[in-house]
């Protein structure tokens, strides 16, 4: 959590794809919890992660609300993309739920997170095109980074 927050606060908050979207990877921790994690634990982790992000980035509750909502929705979203016969200890990754399911899982969760975050940031519909550009570019870049991090952490094993 500390490493993810440090990367987000020190590097990614200064990346603005096409001048609009900032990838928000702080939701990445919530995505990686295994299927059997209690809801209270998920909510506490999401709340604390968002609170720490808000304290250091001056976003006044947007990160906290977004992370807490995503933590609340994570078990439902994970169940959509994991096989029913999978164990309760399954952690979402390319190896455990498959490439297509993992990419869709990350894309949908990042989309939900970015929609809530940018909607709270804009809090108006007068600049809806800018908000939509921020949501789409932030979601795509965050999804790409999450998938790349997962690929780097689980290199393919070659059989000899």
Protein backbone atom coordinates (compact mmCIF):
# COMPACT_ATOMS: atom_id res chain seq x y z
CA UNK A 1 0.00 0.00 0.00
CA UNK A 2 2.82 2.39 0.87
CA UNK A 3 4.61 1.73 -2.43
CA UNK A 4 1.43 2.12 -4.45
CA UNK A 5 0.58 5.40 -2.72
CA UNK A 6 4.12 6.69 -3.18
CA UNK A 7 4.05 5.93 -6.91
CA UNK A 8 0.63 7.55 -7.22
CA UNK A 9 1.47 10.69 -5.27
CA UNK A 10 5.01 11.27 -6.51
CA UNK A 11 4.77 10.16 -10.14
CA UNK A 12 1.30 9.47 -11.49
CA UNK A 13 -0.37 12.59 -10.11
CA UNK A 14 1.93 14.56 -12.42
CA UNK A 15 1.07 12.52 -15.53
CA UNK A 16 -1.75 14.02 -17.57
CA UNK A 17 -2.41 12.03 -20.73
CA UNK A 18 -3.35 14.45 -23.53
CA UNK A 19 -3.69 17.11 -20.83
CA UNK A 20 -6.85 15.52 -19.42
CA UNK A 21 -6.56 12.16 -17.73
CA UNK A 22 -4.50 11.20 -14.73
CA UNK A 23 -4.23 7.46 -14.08
CA UNK A 24 -5.36 6.69 -10.55
CA UNK A 25 -3.75 3.41 -9.51
CA UNK A 26 -4.69 3.74 -5.87
CA UNK A 27 -7.63 1.47 -6.65
CA UNK A 28 -5.17 -1.25 -7.62
CA UNK A 29 -4.82 -2.52 -4.08
CA UNK A 30 -8.56 -3.12 -3.84
CA UNK A 31 -8.50 -5.11 -7.07
CA UNK A 32 -5.94 -7.58 -5.78
CA UNK A 33 -7.76 -8.78 -2.67
CA UNK A 34 -8.71 -12.43 -2.86
CA UNK A 35 -12.24 -13.67 -3.21
CA UNK A 36 -12.71 -14.65 0.45
CA UNK A 37 -11.71 -11.32 1.99
CA UNK A 38 -14.32 -10.01 4.40
CA UNK A 39 -16.31 -6.98 3.36
CA UNK A 40 -15.35 -5.08 6.48
CA UNK A 41 -11.65 -5.56 5.70
CA UNK A 42 -12.18 -4.42 2.13
CA UNK A 43 -14.09 -1.34 3.22
CA UNK A 44 -11.49 -0.41 5.83
CA UNK A 45 -8.61 -0.81 3.36
CA UNK A 46 -10.44 1.22 0.73
CA UNK A 47 -11.35 3.94 3.21
CA UNK A 48 -7.82 4.21 4.63
CA UNK A 49 -6.19 4.14 1.19
CA UNK A 50 -8.48 6.90 -0.06
CA UNK A 51 -8.05 8.94 3.12
CA UNK A 52 -4.25 8.86 2.89
CA UNK A 53 -4.42 9.79 -0.80
CA UNK A 54 -6.76 12.69 -0.02
CA UNK A 55 -4.51 13.99 2.75
CA UNK A 56 -1.46 14.20 0.48
CA UNK A 57 -3.12 15.29 -2.76
CA UNK A 58 -5.67 17.80 -1.42
CA UNK A 59 -8.69 16.15 -3.06
CA UNK A 60 -11.09 16.59 -0.11
CA UNK A 61 -12.76 13.20 0.06
CA UNK A 62 -12.88 12.26 -3.62
CA UNK A 63 -10.32 9.49 -3.24
CA UNK A 64 -11.93 8.25 -0.04
CA UNK A 65 -15.40 8.05 -1.58
CA UNK A 66 -14.13 6.41 -4.77
CA UNK A 67 -11.96 3.83 -2.98
CA UNK A 68 -14.69 2.97 -0.48
CA UNK A 69 -17.28 2.49 -3.24
CA UNK A 70 -14.90 0.30 -5.22
CA UNK A 71 -14.10 -1.75 -2.11
CA UNK A 72 -17.83 -2.27 -1.57
CA UNK A 73 -18.31 -3.42 -5.18
CA UNK A 74 -15.14 -5.54 -5.47
CA UNK A 75 -16.61 -8.90 -4.31
CA UNK A 76 -19.50 -8.60 -6.76
CA UNK A 77 -17.22 -7.62 -9.65
CA UNK A 78 -14.71 -10.37 -8.86
CA UNK A 79 -17.49 -12.98 -8.79
CA UNK A 80 -18.53 -11.88 -12.28
CA UNK A 81 -15.14 -12.79 -13.72
CA UNK A 82 -14.05 -15.83 -11.71
CA UNK A 83 -15.27 -19.37 -12.32
CA UNK A 84 -17.86 -20.60 -9.84
CA UNK A 85 -15.76 -23.63 -8.91
CA UNK A 86 -12.73 -21.48 -8.03
CA UNK A 87 -11.61 -21.46 -4.41
CA UNK A 88 -12.35 -18.62 -2.03
CA UNK A 89 -8.63 -17.80 -1.85
CA UNK A 90 -8.29 -16.98 -5.56
CA UNK A 91 -6.47 -13.70 -6.28
CA UNK A 92 -7.32 -12.01 -9.56
CA UNK A 93 -4.46 -12.17 -12.08
CA UNK A 94 -3.73 -13.38 -15.58
CA UNK A 95 -2.84 -16.81 -14.24
CA UNK A 96 -5.89 -17.34 -12.05
CA UNK A 97 -8.86 -15.94 -13.98
CA UNK A 98 -7.48 -15.79 -17.53
CA UNK A 99 -6.32 -12.96 -19.75
CA UNK A 100 -9.66 -11.78 -21.11
CA UNK A 101 -11.46 -11.97 -17.77
CA UNK A 102 -8.63 -10.18 -15.99
CA UNK A 103 -8.47 -7.34 -18.52
CA UNK A 104 -12.26 -6.90 -18.39
CA UNK A 105 -12.21 -7.01 -14.57
CA UNK A 106 -9.53 -4.33 -14.37
CA UNK A 107 -11.15 -2.21 -17.09
CA UNK A 108 -14.59 -2.22 -15.47
CA UNK A 109 -13.30 -1.55 -11.96
CA UNK A 110 -11.03 1.25 -13.16
CA UNK A 111 -13.92 2.72 -15.15
CA UNK A 112 -16.17 2.74 -12.07
CA UNK A 113 -13.42 4.26 -9.95
CA UNK A 114 -12.57 7.00 -12.46
CA UNK A 115 -16.23 7.85 -13.13
CA UNK A 116 -16.88 8.38 -9.42
CA UNK A 117 -13.62 10.28 -8.86
CA UNK A 118 -13.99 12.63 -11.83
CA UNK A 119 -17.72 13.12 -11.28
CA UNK A 120 -17.01 14.24 -7.72
CA UNK A 121 -14.17 16.42 -9.01
CA UNK A 122 -16.28 18.16 -11.64
CA UNK A 123 -19.55 18.20 -9.68
CA UNK A 124 -21.20 19.90 -12.64
CA UNK A 125 -22.33 19.05 -16.13
CA UNK A 126 -21.16 22.29 -17.68
CA UNK A 127 -17.76 20.81 -18.65
CA UNK A 128 -19.03 17.31 -19.36
CA UNK A 129 -16.71 16.83 -22.35
CA UNK A 130 -13.60 17.55 -20.27
CA UNK A 131 -14.86 15.22 -17.56
CA UNK A 132 -15.53 12.49 -20.13
CA UNK A 133 -12.03 12.93 -21.58
CA UNK A 134 -10.50 12.68 -18.11
CA UNK A 135 -12.49 9.55 -17.30
CA UNK A 136 -11.67 7.77 -20.55
CA UNK A 137 -7.97 8.61 -20.71
CA UNK A 138 -7.43 7.96 -16.99
CA UNK A 139 -9.27 4.64 -17.18
CA UNK A 140 -7.37 3.42 -20.23
CA UNK A 141 -3.96 4.39 -18.87
CA UNK A 142 -4.68 2.95 -15.40
CA UNK A 143 -5.94 -0.30 -16.96
CA UNK A 144 -2.85 -0.55 -19.12
CA UNK A 145 -0.54 0.06 -16.15
CA UNK A 146 -2.37 -2.47 -13.94
CA UNK A 147 -2.17 -5.13 -16.66
CA UNK A 148 1.53 -4.41 -17.22
CA UNK A 149 2.25 -4.61 -13.48
CA UNK A 150 0.48 -7.96 -13.32
CA UNK A 151 2.41 -9.27 -16.31
CA UNK A 152 5.71 -8.17 -14.74
CA UNK A 153 4.88 -9.75 -11.39
CA UNK A 154 3.87 -13.08 -12.97
CA UNK A 155 6.31 -13.83 -15.80
CA UNK A 156 5.36 -16.76 -17.98
CA UNK A 157 6.99 -19.97 -16.92
CA UNK A 158 8.81 -21.80 -19.69
CA UNK A 159 8.79 -25.56 -19.58
CA UNK A 160 12.08 -27.27 -20.39
